[in-house]
Amino acid sequence: MQAFYNLRTGAKFAIGFGTCVLILLITGAVALQQMGKVAQKARDLAERQLITAIAFGELDANLQRMRTRERRHMQTVYNRADLPAAEQAVEKDRRSVEESIQKLEASQLDAEARQLLDQFKAAWQEYLPLHQRLLQLNREGKAAEATRLMDGEMRTLVRTRMDPAVDRFRQYVQQHAQEAQVVVAATYRKAQVGTVTLLVLAATFSTPAGLVYLPLHHEGYPADGTEVAKPARARPA
């Protein structure tokens, strides 16, 4: 400390402000690092969880719409003029379900999600032949057989295989979305705490020490604070 007292005023300013700038630079670097962590978590949420959730939502909606179209297709037995439009609508929904499955397959699924998707795909492959048979019965006008198929084999497969697979996947999406939100929130809190801590340290330790001691420790005062008598100036004759 004595060596610091003996420094010139310019050196004290340089040390004080240099320390301030250094701590501010460190604070900025740490803040950027923490913000980068938050951004990475948010990016993971958007690229992985969000895309998976959207693709699953489309799959669920398309599947429900296709089942509704199947019911409407059955009504064409009593109004054959509506059969072409019903055929196009139910085929469009079937393709939409297939596209939704492909979107899920292309997304970044972990092992658990891929296993759930495989379970649904297996049930879907069993459902498609029943679906085609139902449409054929409707085309042939066999309403009674179509109703038995819909209320029998198809309903059993839906309730025992397809709906449970969809429900499990829905639970997976909801659970991982909540976990992702918790991780992002925790990372953001850590970033806040780290940045605020560094700001407090900067405010505490970056005050230029030279300015604190300047009033007493410039060239006219010794380190102990006692004033040194200055030589009297010679008056001009």
C-alpha atoms as a PDB file:
ATOM      1  CA  MET A   1       0.000   0.000   0.000  1.00  0.00           C
ATOM      2  CA  GLN A   2       2.917   2.354   0.763  1.00  0.00           C
ATOM      3  CA  ALA A   3       4.126   1.898  -2.776  1.00  0.00           C
ATOM      4  CA  PHE A   4       0.706   2.909  -4.046  1.00  0.00           C
ATOM      5  CA  TYR A   5       0.746   6.039  -1.866  1.00  0.00           C
ATOM      6  CA  ASN A   6       4.059   7.045  -3.335  1.00  0.00           C
ATOM      7  CA  LEU A   7       2.807   6.846  -6.916  1.00  0.00           C
ATOM      8  CA  ARG A   8       2.175   9.956  -8.896  1.00  0.00           C
ATOM      9  CA  THR A   9      -1.394  11.138  -9.387  1.00  0.00           C
ATOM     10  CA  GLY A  10      -1.431  10.105 -13.052  1.00  0.00           C
ATOM     11  CA  ALA A  11      -0.372   6.573 -12.137  1.00  0.00           C
ATOM     12  CA  LYS A  12      -3.101   6.359  -9.494  1.00  0.00           C
ATOM     13  CA  PHE A  13      -5.696   7.428 -12.035  1.00  0.00           C
ATOM     14  CA  ALA A  14      -4.394   4.876 -14.502  1.00  0.00           C
ATOM     15  CA  ILE A  15      -4.511   2.033 -11.959  1.00  0.00           C
ATOM     16  CA  GLY A  16      -7.975   2.983 -10.703  1.00  0.00           C
ATOM     17  CA  PHE A  17      -9.619   3.425 -14.064  1.00  0.00           C
ATOM     18  CA  GLY A  18      -7.733   0.482 -15.539  1.00  0.00           C
ATOM     19  CA  THR A  19      -9.087  -1.753 -12.764  1.00  0.00           C
ATOM     20  CA  CYS A  20     -12.585  -0.418 -13.426  1.00  0.00           C
ATOM     21  CA  VAL A  21     -12.362  -1.116 -17.149  1.00  0.00           C
ATOM     22  CA  LEU A  22     -10.939  -4.608 -16.541  1.00  0.00           C
ATOM     23  CA  ILE A  23     -13.751  -5.594 -14.175  1.00  0.00           C
ATOM     24  CA  LEU A  24     -16.366  -4.189 -16.546  1.00  0.00           C
ATOM     25  CA  LEU A  25     -14.858  -6.213 -19.376  1.00  0.00           C
ATOM     26  CA  ILE A  26     -14.963  -9.358 -17.253  1.00  0.00           C
ATOM     27  CA  THR A  27     -18.571  -8.585 -16.295  1.00  0.00           C
ATOM     28  CA  GLY A  28     -19.522  -8.156 -19.951  1.00  0.00           C
ATOM     29  CA  ALA A  29     -17.792 -11.381 -20.968  1.00  0.00           C
ATOM     30  CA  VAL A  30     -19.508 -13.401 -18.240  1.00  0.00           C
ATOM     31  CA  ALA A  31     -22.857 -11.819 -19.082  1.00  0.00           C
ATOM     32  CA  LEU A  32     -22.427 -12.757 -22.749  1.00  0.00           C
ATOM     33  CA  GLN A  33     -21.483 -16.295 -21.756  1.00  0.00           C
ATOM     34  CA  GLN A  34     -24.577 -16.652 -19.573  1.00  0.00           C
ATOM     35  CA  MET A  35     -26.807 -15.201 -22.289  1.00  0.00           C
ATOM     36  CA  GLY A  36     -25.280 -17.702 -24.690  1.00  0.00           C
ATOM     37  CA  LYS A  37     -26.313 -20.546 -22.382  1.00  0.00           C
ATOM     38  CA  VAL A  38     -29.866 -19.213 -22.227  1.00  0.00           C
ATOM     39  CA  ALA A  39     -29.918 -18.854 -26.016  1.00  0.00           C
ATOM     40  CA  GLN A  40     -28.678 -22.434 -26.433  1.00  0.00           C
ATOM     41  CA  LYS A  41     -31.414 -23.793 -24.178  1.00  0.00           C
ATOM     42  CA  ALA A  42     -34.016 -21.742 -26.034  1.00  0.00           C
ATOM     43  CA  ARG A  43     -32.622 -22.984 -29.361  1.00  0.00           C
ATOM     44  CA  ASP A  44     -32.850 -26.578 -28.154  1.00  0.00           C
ATOM     45  CA  LEU A  45     -36.438 -25.964 -27.075  1.00  0.00           C
ATOM     46  CA  ALA A  46     -37.309 -24.503 -30.481  1.00  0.00           C
ATOM     47  CA  GLU A  47     -35.437 -26.986 -32.668  1.00  0.00           C
ATOM     48  CA  ARG A  48     -36.252 -30.131 -30.757  1.00  0.00           C
ATOM     49  CA  GLN A  49     -39.142 -29.967 -28.331  1.00  0.00           C
ATOM     50  CA  LEU A  50     -41.221 -27.383 -30.165  1.00  0.00           C
ATOM     51  CA  ILE A  51     -40.898 -29.035 -33.573  1.00  0.00           C
ATOM     52  CA  THR A  52     -41.777 -32.408 -32.073  1.00  0.00           C
ATOM     53  CA  ALA A  53     -44.788 -30.941 -30.263  1.00  0.00           C
ATOM     54  CA  ILE A  54     -46.055 -29.253 -33.438  1.00  0.00           C
ATOM     55  CA  ALA A  55     -45.608 -32.400 -35.528  1.00  0.00           C
ATOM     56  CA  PHE A  56     -47.406 -34.503 -32.928  1.00  0.00           C
ATOM     57  CA  GLY A  57     -50.248 -31.968 -32.721  1.00  0.00           C
ATOM     58  CA  GLU A  58     -50.669 -32.191 -36.492  1.00  0.00           C
ATOM     59  CA  LEU A  59     -50.657 -35.988 -36.335  1.00  0.00           C
ATOM     60  CA  ASP A  60     -53.302 -36.080 -33.622  1.00  0.00           C
ATOM     61  CA  ALA A  61     -55.530 -33.557 -35.422  1.00  0.00           C
ATOM     62  CA  ASN A  62     -55.207 -35.304 -38.782  1.00  0.00           C
ATOM     63  CA  LEU A  63     -55.975 -38.684 -37.244  1.00  0.00           C
ATOM     64  CA  GLN A  64     -59.116 -37.392 -35.536  1.00  0.00           C
ATOM     65  CA  ARG A  65     -60.231 -35.706 -38.750  1.00  0.00           C
ATOM     66  CA  MET A  66     -59.714 -38.910 -40.740  1.00  0.00           C
ATOM     67  CA  ARG A  67     -61.914 -40.865 -38.345  1.00  0.00           C
ATOM     68  CA  THR A  68     -64.627 -38.263 -38.747  1.00  0.00           C
ATOM     69  CA  ARG A  69     -64.312 -38.543 -42.526  1.00  0.00           C
ATOM     70  CA  GLU A  70     -64.710 -42.305 -42.265  1.00  0.00           C
ATOM     71  CA  ARG A  71     -68.041 -41.814 -40.545  1.00  0.00           C
ATOM     72  CA  ARG A  72     -69.131 -39.389 -43.235  1.00  0.00           C
ATOM     73  CA  HIS A  73     -67.961 -41.815 -45.908  1.00  0.00           C
ATOM     74  CA  MET A  74     -70.326 -44.402 -44.450  1.00  0.00           C
ATOM     75  CA  GLN A  75     -73.236 -42.023 -45.023  1.00  0.00           C
ATOM     76  CA  THR A  76     -72.621 -42.146 -48.771  1.00  0.00           C
ATOM     77  CA  VAL A  77     -74.342 -45.528 -48.760  1.00  0.00           C
ATOM     78  CA  TYR A  78     -77.596 -43.560 -48.600  1.00  0.00           C
ATOM     79  CA  ASN A  79     -76.468 -40.761 -50.948  1.00  0.00           C
ATOM     80  CA  ARG A  80     -74.237 -42.033 -53.715  1.00  0.00           C
ATOM     81  CA  ALA A  81     -73.790 -38.547 -55.182  1.00  0.00           C
ATOM     82  CA  ASP A  82     -71.591 -37.603 -52.217  1.00  0.00           C
ATOM     83  CA  LEU A  83     -69.257 -40.567 -52.690  1.00  0.00           C
ATOM     84  CA  PRO A  84     -66.611 -38.866 -54.915  1.00  0.00           C
ATOM     85  CA  ALA A  85     -66.193 -35.910 -52.563  1.00  0.00           C
ATOM     86  CA  ALA A  86     -66.086 -38.237 -49.537  1.00  0.00           C
ATOM     87  CA  GLU A  87     -63.438 -40.384 -51.244  1.00  0.00           C
ATOM     88  CA  GLN A  88     -61.229 -37.351 -51.905  1.00  0.00           C
ATOM     89  CA  ALA A  89     -61.638 -36.006 -48.378  1.00  0.00           C
ATOM     90  CA  VAL A  90     -60.814 -39.251 -46.574  1.00  0.00           C
ATOM     91  CA  GLU A  91     -57.839 -39.910 -48.875  1.00  0.00           C
ATOM     92  CA  LYS A  92     -56.522 -36.399 -48.220  1.00  0.00           C
ATOM     93  CA  ASP A  93     -56.718 -36.992 -44.474  1.00  0.00           C
ATOM     94  CA  ARG A  94     -54.952 -40.341 -44.779  1.00  0.00           C
ATOM     95  CA  ARG A  95     -52.089 -38.666 -46.640  1.00  0.00           C
ATOM     96  CA  SER A  96     -51.975 -35.945 -44.002  1.00  0.00           C
ATOM     97  CA  VAL A  97     -51.534 -38.582 -41.291  1.00  0.00           C
ATOM     98  CA  GLU A  98     -48.707 -40.176 -43.279  1.00  0.00           C
ATOM     99  CA  GLU A  99     -47.014 -36.784 -43.729  1.00  0.00           C
ATOM    100  CA  SER A 100     -47.296 -36.076 -40.003  1.00  0.00           C
ATOM    101  CA  ILE A 101     -45.622 -39.392 -39.224  1.00  0.00           C
ATOM    102  CA  GLN A 102     -42.798 -38.510 -41.622  1.00  0.00           C
ATOM    103  CA  LYS A 103     -42.347 -35.121 -39.940  1.00  0.00           C
ATOM    104  CA  LEU A 104     -42.031 -36.805 -36.570  1.00  0.00           C
ATOM    105  CA  GLU A 105     -39.515 -39.272 -37.957  1.00  0.00           C
ATOM    106  CA  ALA A 106     -37.457 -36.395 -39.369  1.00  0.00           C
ATOM    107  CA  SER A 107     -37.433 -34.463 -36.090  1.00  0.00           C
ATOM    108  CA  GLN A 108     -34.754 -34.919 -33.429  1.00  0.00           C
ATOM    109  CA  LEU A 109     -36.367 -37.647 -31.358  1.00  0.00           C
ATOM    110  CA  ASP A 110     -34.654 -39.310 -28.450  1.00  0.00           C
ATOM    111  CA  ALA A 111     -34.828 -43.055 -27.849  1.00  0.00           C
ATOM    112  CA  GLU A 112     -38.007 -42.857 -25.782  1.00  0.00           C
ATOM    113  CA  ALA A 113     -39.885 -40.757 -28.344  1.00  0.00           C
ATOM    114  CA  ARG A 114     -38.761 -42.951 -31.223  1.00  0.00           C
ATOM    115  CA  GLN A 115     -39.986 -46.039 -29.381  1.00  0.00           C
ATOM    116  CA  LEU A 116     -43.382 -44.389 -28.816  1.00  0.00           C
ATOM    117  CA  LEU A 117     -43.562 -43.429 -32.478  1.00  0.00           C
ATOM    118  CA  ASP A 118     -42.715 -46.983 -33.533  1.00  0.00           C
ATOM    119  CA  GLN A 119     -45.563 -48.269 -31.363  1.00  0.00           C
ATOM    120  CA  PHE A 120     -47.981 -45.915 -33.059  1.00  0.00           C
ATOM    121  CA  LYS A 121     -46.688 -46.801 -36.524  1.00  0.00           C
ATOM    122  CA  ALA A 122     -47.200 -50.503 -35.822  1.00  0.00           C
ATOM    123  CA  ALA A 123     -50.816 -49.838 -34.798  1.00  0.00           C
ATOM    124  CA  TRP A 124     -51.287 -47.578 -37.822  1.00  0.00           C
ATOM    125  CA  GLN A 125     -50.101 -50.316 -40.190  1.00  0.00           C
ATOM    126  CA  GLU A 126     -52.693 -52.648 -38.685  1.00  0.00           C
ATOM    127  CA  TYR A 127     -55.368 -49.983 -39.003  1.00  0.00           C
ATOM    128  CA  LEU A 128     -54.824 -49.174 -42.693  1.00  0.00           C
ATOM    129  CA  PRO A 129     -56.152 -52.522 -44.087  1.00  0.00           C
ATOM    130  CA  LEU A 130     -59.288 -52.138 -41.952  1.00  0.00           C
ATOM    131  CA  HIS A 131     -59.642 -48.583 -43.217  1.00  0.00           C
ATOM    132  CA  GLN A 132     -59.428 -49.707 -46.835  1.00  0.00           C
ATOM    133  CA  ARG A 133     -61.899 -52.530 -46.216  1.00  0.00           C
ATOM    134  CA  LEU A 134     -64.356 -50.060 -44.662  1.00  0.00           C
ATOM    135  CA  LEU A 135     -64.172 -47.799 -47.709  1.00  0.00           C
ATOM    136  CA  GLN A 136     -64.709 -50.755 -50.044  1.00  0.00           C
ATOM    137  CA  LEU A 137     -67.793 -51.881 -48.105  1.00  0.00           C
ATOM    138  CA  ASN A 138     -69.175 -48.360 -48.351  1.00  0.00           C
ATOM    139  CA  ARG A 139     -68.576 -48.323 -52.107  1.00  0.00           C
ATOM    140  CA  GLU A 140     -70.459 -51.611 -52.422  1.00  0.00           C
ATOM    141  CA  GLY A 141     -73.334 -50.256 -50.365  1.00  0.00           C
ATOM    142  CA  LYS A 142     -72.894 -52.814 -47.578  1.00  0.00           C
ATOM    143  CA  ALA A 143     -73.887 -50.531 -44.723  1.00  0.00           C
ATOM    144  CA  ALA A 144     -74.480 -53.275 -42.153  1.00  0.00           C
ATOM    145  CA  GLU A 145     -71.095 -54.898 -42.716  1.00  0.00           C
ATOM    146  CA  ALA A 146     -69.360 -51.516 -42.660  1.00  0.00           C
ATOM    147  CA  THR A 147     -71.018 -50.668 -39.359  1.00  0.00           C
ATOM    148  CA  ARG A 148     -69.981 -53.980 -37.815  1.00  0.00           C
ATOM    149  CA  LEU A 149     -66.418 -53.441 -38.991  1.00  0.00           C
ATOM    150  CA  MET A 150     -66.320 -49.886 -37.636  1.00  0.00           C
ATOM    151  CA  ASP A 151     -67.828 -50.805 -34.271  1.00  0.00           C
ATOM    152  CA  GLY A 152     -65.949 -54.083 -33.986  1.00  0.00           C
ATOM    153  CA  GLU A 153     -62.393 -54.599 -35.192  1.00  0.00           C
ATOM    154  CA  MET A 154     -61.625 -50.967 -35.909  1.00  0.00           C
ATOM    155  CA  ARG A 155     -62.899 -49.674 -32.573  1.00  0.00           C
ATOM    156  CA  THR A 156     -61.042 -52.415 -30.689  1.00  0.00           C
ATOM    157  CA  LEU A 157     -57.777 -51.593 -32.460  1.00  0.00           C
ATOM    158  CA  VAL A 158     -58.241 -47.874 -31.867  1.00  0.00           C
ATOM    159  CA  ARG A 159     -58.991 -48.265 -28.168  1.00  0.00           C
ATOM    160  CA  THR A 160     -56.349 -50.886 -27.391  1.00  0.00           C
ATOM    161  CA  ARG A 161     -53.476 -49.819 -29.650  1.00  0.00           C
ATOM    162  CA  MET A 162     -53.773 -46.452 -31.373  1.00  0.00           C
ATOM    163  CA  ASP A 163     -55.310 -44.262 -28.679  1.00  0.00           C
ATOM    164  CA  PRO A 164     -52.942 -45.536 -25.939  1.00  0.00           C
ATOM    165  CA  ALA A 165     -49.964 -44.903 -28.244  1.00  0.00           C
ATOM    166  CA  VAL A 166     -51.192 -41.363 -28.950  1.00  0.00           C
ATOM    167  CA  ASP A 167     -51.829 -40.714 -25.245  1.00  0.00           C
ATOM    168  CA  ARG A 168     -48.358 -41.895 -24.270  1.00  0.00           C
ATOM    169  CA  PHE A 169     -46.776 -39.685 -26.912  1.00  0.00           C
ATOM    170  CA  ARG A 170     -48.882 -36.736 -25.735  1.00  0.00           C
ATOM    171  CA  GLN A 171     -47.690 -37.277 -22.158  1.00  0.00           C
ATOM    172  CA  TYR A 172     -44.108 -37.461 -23.402  1.00  0.00           C
ATOM    173  CA  VAL A 173     -44.419 -34.144 -25.265  1.00  0.00           C
ATOM    174  CA  GLN A 174     -46.029 -32.399 -22.288  1.00  0.00           C
ATOM    175  CA  GLN A 175     -43.479 -33.742 -19.816  1.00  0.00           C
ATOM    176  CA  HIS A 176     -40.456 -32.759 -21.892  1.00  0.00           C
ATOM    177  CA  ALA A 177     -41.914 -29.346 -22.674  1.00  0.00           C
ATOM    178  CA  GLN A 178     -42.255 -28.680 -18.939  1.00  0.00           C
ATOM    179  CA  GLU A 179     -38.722 -29.947 -18.295  1.00  0.00           C
ATOM    180  CA  ALA A 180     -37.357 -27.696 -21.030  1.00  0.00           C
ATOM    181  CA  GLN A 181     -39.118 -24.685 -19.549  1.00  0.00           C
ATOM    182  CA  VAL A 182     -37.667 -25.472 -16.123  1.00  0.00           C
ATOM    183  CA  VAL A 183     -34.146 -25.791 -17.565  1.00  0.00           C
ATOM    184  CA  VAL A 184     -34.424 -22.514 -19.474  1.00  0.00           C
ATOM    185  CA  ALA A 185     -35.792 -20.715 -16.413  1.00  0.00           C
ATOM    186  CA  ALA A 186     -33.027 -22.124 -14.187  1.00  0.00           C
ATOM    187  CA  THR A 187     -30.340 -21.141 -16.694  1.00  0.00           C
ATOM    188  CA  TYR A 188     -31.791 -17.640 -16.927  1.00  0.00           C
ATOM    189  CA  ARG A 189     -31.797 -17.299 -13.135  1.00  0.00           C
ATOM    190  CA  LYS A 190     -28.168 -18.414 -12.972  1.00  0.00           C
ATOM    191  CA  ALA A 191     -27.296 -15.869 -15.624  1.00  0.00           C
ATOM    192  CA  GLN A 192     -29.045 -13.153 -13.650  1.00  0.00           C
ATOM    193  CA  VAL A 193     -27.328 -14.107 -10.393  1.00  0.00           C
ATOM    194  CA  GLY A 194     -23.894 -14.315 -12.014  1.00  0.00           C
ATOM    195  CA  THR A 195     -24.247 -10.984 -13.801  1.00  0.00           C
ATOM    196  CA  VAL A 196     -25.626  -9.160 -10.757  1.00  0.00           C
ATOM    197  CA  THR A 197     -22.871 -10.619  -8.566  1.00  0.00           C
ATOM    198  CA  LEU A 198     -20.183  -9.380 -10.916  1.00  0.00           C
ATOM    199  CA  LEU A 199     -21.828  -5.981 -11.132  1.00  0.00           C
ATOM    200  CA  VAL A 200     -21.828  -5.731  -7.336  1.00  0.00           C
ATOM    201  CA  LEU A 201     -18.170  -6.742  -7.237  1.00  0.00           C
ATOM    202  CA  ALA A 202     -17.395  -4.209  -9.935  1.00  0.00           C
ATOM    203  CA  ALA A 203     -19.167  -1.464  -8.011  1.00  0.00           C
ATOM    204  CA  THR A 204     -17.371  -2.471  -4.812  1.00  0.00           C
ATOM    205  CA  PHE A 205     -13.816  -2.967  -6.016  1.00  0.00           C
ATOM    206  CA  SER A 206     -13.521  -0.876  -9.136  1.00  0.00           C
ATOM    207  CA  THR A 207     -13.610   2.513  -7.380  1.00  0.00           C
ATOM    208  CA  PRO A 208     -10.280   4.032  -8.313  1.00  0.00           C
ATOM    209  CA  ALA A 209      -8.212   3.775  -5.193  1.00  0.00           C
ATOM    210  CA  GLY A 210      -6.153   6.692  -6.360  1.00  0.00           C
ATOM    211  CA  LEU A 211      -9.195   8.936  -6.100  1.00  0.00           C
ATOM    212  CA  VAL A 212      -9.902   7.770  -2.552  1.00  0.00           C
ATOM    213  CA  TYR A 213      -6.436   8.656  -1.344  1.00  0.00           C
ATOM    214  CA  LEU A 214      -5.862  11.577  -3.634  1.00  0.00           C
ATOM    215  CA  PRO A 215      -6.997  14.331  -1.230  1.00  0.00           C
ATOM    216  CA  LEU A 216      -4.444  13.270   1.418  1.00  0.00           C
ATOM    217  CA  HIS A 217      -1.774  11.475  -0.549  1.00  0.00           C
ATOM    218  CA  HIS A 218      -0.657  13.692  -3.352  1.00  0.00           C
ATOM    219  CA  GLU A 219       2.793  15.154  -3.631  1.00  0.00           C
ATOM    220  CA  GLY A 220       2.228  17.551  -0.721  1.00  0.00           C
ATOM    221  CA  TYR A 221       1.306  14.887   1.885  1.00  0.00           C
ATOM    222  CA  PRO A 222       3.180  11.859   3.214  1.00  0.00           C
ATOM    223  CA  ALA A 223       1.612   8.442   3.690  1.00  0.00           C
ATOM    224  CA  ASP A 224       0.624   9.077   7.344  1.00  0.00           C
ATOM    225  CA  GLY A 225      -1.569  12.033   6.416  1.00  0.00           C
ATOM    226  CA  THR A 226       0.426  14.741   8.221  1.00  0.00           C
ATOM    227  CA  GLU A 227       1.028  17.818   6.243  1.00  0.00           C
ATOM    228  CA  VAL A 228       4.613  18.581   5.298  1.00  0.00           C
ATOM    229  CA  ALA A 229       5.678  22.166   5.569  1.00  0.00           C
ATOM    230  CA  LYS A 230       6.414  23.508   2.147  1.00  0.00           C
ATOM    231  CA  PRO A 231       9.340  25.826   1.640  1.00  0.00           C
ATOM    232  CA  ALA A 232       8.279  29.446   1.504  1.00  0.00           C
ATOM    233  CA  ARG A 233       8.459  31.015  -1.870  1.00  0.00           C
ATOM    234  CA  ALA A 234      10.868  33.876  -2.219  1.00  0.00           C
ATOM    235  CA  ARG A 235       9.130  37.142  -2.683  1.00  0.00           C
ATOM    236  CA  PRO A 236      10.268  39.149  -5.621  1.00  0.00           C
ATOM    237  CA  ALA A 237      12.375  42.134  -4.668  1.00  0.00           C
END
